[in-house]
Amino acid sequence: MTNDEIRSTVLRLLGDIAPEADLARLKPDVSIRDQLDIDSMDFLNFIIALHRRLDVDIPESDYPKLRTIDGAVAYLAAKKRP
């Protein structure tokens, strides 16, 4: 899976969590929660959706690594490498 495919998946799942958001305006290096004004439950639902969609185990201790779009893509790309 390429980084672009991962980024697309991340954005699609964020769109499911925050359907009113303009995903094209999200800054890749700024906190997802701050930009979308989502709470911790929404963020947890995002993590669960990533786990289910990409079949990647994400321990709670790694959640901070997924706080930005760039961070999420880098983390997930490393997990998806063969």
Protein backbone atom coordinates (compact mmCIF):
# COMPACT_ATOMS: atom_id res chain seq x y z
CA MET A 1 0.00 0.00 0.00
CA THR A 2 1.44 3.37 -1.03
CA ASN A 3 1.57 6.48 1.12
CA ASP A 4 -1.00 8.11 -1.19
CA GLU A 5 -3.39 5.19 -0.68
CA ILE A 6 -2.90 5.39 3.08
CA ARG A 7 -3.45 9.18 3.05
CA SER A 8 -6.62 8.70 1.01
CA THR A 9 -7.88 6.09 3.49
CA VAL A 10 -7.05 8.34 6.46
CA LEU A 11 -8.95 11.25 4.90
CA ARG A 12 -11.94 9.09 3.95
CA LEU A 13 -12.21 7.77 7.51
CA LEU A 14 -11.89 11.28 8.93
CA GLY A 15 -14.71 12.30 6.61
CA ASP A 16 -16.85 9.56 8.14
CA ILE A 17 -16.07 10.89 11.64
CA ALA A 18 -16.54 14.57 10.73
CA PRO A 19 -18.74 14.69 7.62
CA GLU A 20 -19.09 18.48 7.77
CA ALA A 21 -15.32 19.00 7.55
CA ASP A 22 -13.57 20.36 4.46
CA LEU A 23 -10.87 17.70 4.28
CA ALA A 24 -9.05 19.50 1.46
CA ARG A 25 -8.23 22.32 3.89
CA LEU A 26 -6.67 20.11 6.56
CA LYS A 27 -3.04 20.86 7.31
CA PRO A 28 -1.01 17.64 7.34
CA ASP A 29 1.21 18.65 10.26
CA VAL A 30 -1.43 20.08 12.63
CA SER A 31 -3.41 18.06 15.18
CA ILE A 32 -6.40 16.31 13.61
CA ARG A 33 -8.45 16.80 16.77
CA ASP A 34 -7.79 20.54 16.83
CA GLN A 35 -8.57 21.04 13.14
CA LEU A 36 -11.77 19.01 13.15
CA ASP A 37 -12.81 19.92 16.68
CA ILE A 38 -13.42 16.25 17.52
CA ASP A 39 -13.42 14.79 21.01
CA SER A 40 -11.49 11.83 22.35
CA MET A 41 -14.30 9.38 21.51
CA ASP A 42 -14.33 10.52 17.89
CA PHE A 43 -10.55 10.14 17.76
CA LEU A 44 -10.83 6.65 19.25
CA ASN A 45 -13.46 5.78 16.62
CA PHE A 46 -10.99 6.99 13.97
CA ILE A 47 -8.27 4.72 15.38
CA ILE A 48 -10.66 1.76 15.44
CA ALA A 49 -11.70 2.47 11.85
CA LEU A 50 -8.04 2.53 10.78
CA HIS A 51 -7.47 -0.78 12.54
CA ARG A 52 -10.44 -2.39 10.81
CA ARG A 53 -9.83 -0.92 7.36
CA LEU A 54 -6.07 -1.47 7.22
CA ASP A 55 -5.79 -4.51 9.49
CA VAL A 56 -3.12 -2.81 11.60
CA ASP A 57 -2.86 -3.24 15.35
CA ILE A 58 -2.47 0.16 17.00
CA PRO A 59 -1.61 -0.01 20.70
CA GLU A 60 -2.89 2.80 22.88
CA SER A 61 0.68 3.91 23.56
CA ASP A 62 1.01 4.73 19.84
CA TYR A 63 -2.11 6.92 19.56
CA PRO A 64 -0.08 10.15 19.85
CA LYS A 65 1.84 9.15 16.72
CA LEU A 66 -1.42 9.41 14.77
CA ARG A 67 -2.38 12.90 15.95
CA THR A 68 -1.57 14.52 12.58
CA ILE A 69 -2.28 13.34 9.05
CA ASP A 70 1.45 13.13 8.26
CA GLY A 71 2.07 11.24 11.49
CA ALA A 72 -0.74 8.80 10.78
CA VAL A 73 0.47 8.16 7.23
CA ALA A 74 4.07 7.60 8.36
CA TYR A 75 3.01 5.31 11.21
CA LEU A 76 0.65 3.25 9.07
CA ALA A 77 3.11 3.03 6.16
CA ALA A 78 5.73 1.60 8.51
CA LYS A 79 3.21 -0.95 9.82
CA LYS A 80 2.10 -1.97 6.31
CA ARG A 81 5.62 -2.60 4.96
CA PRO A 82 6.29 -6.26 4.28
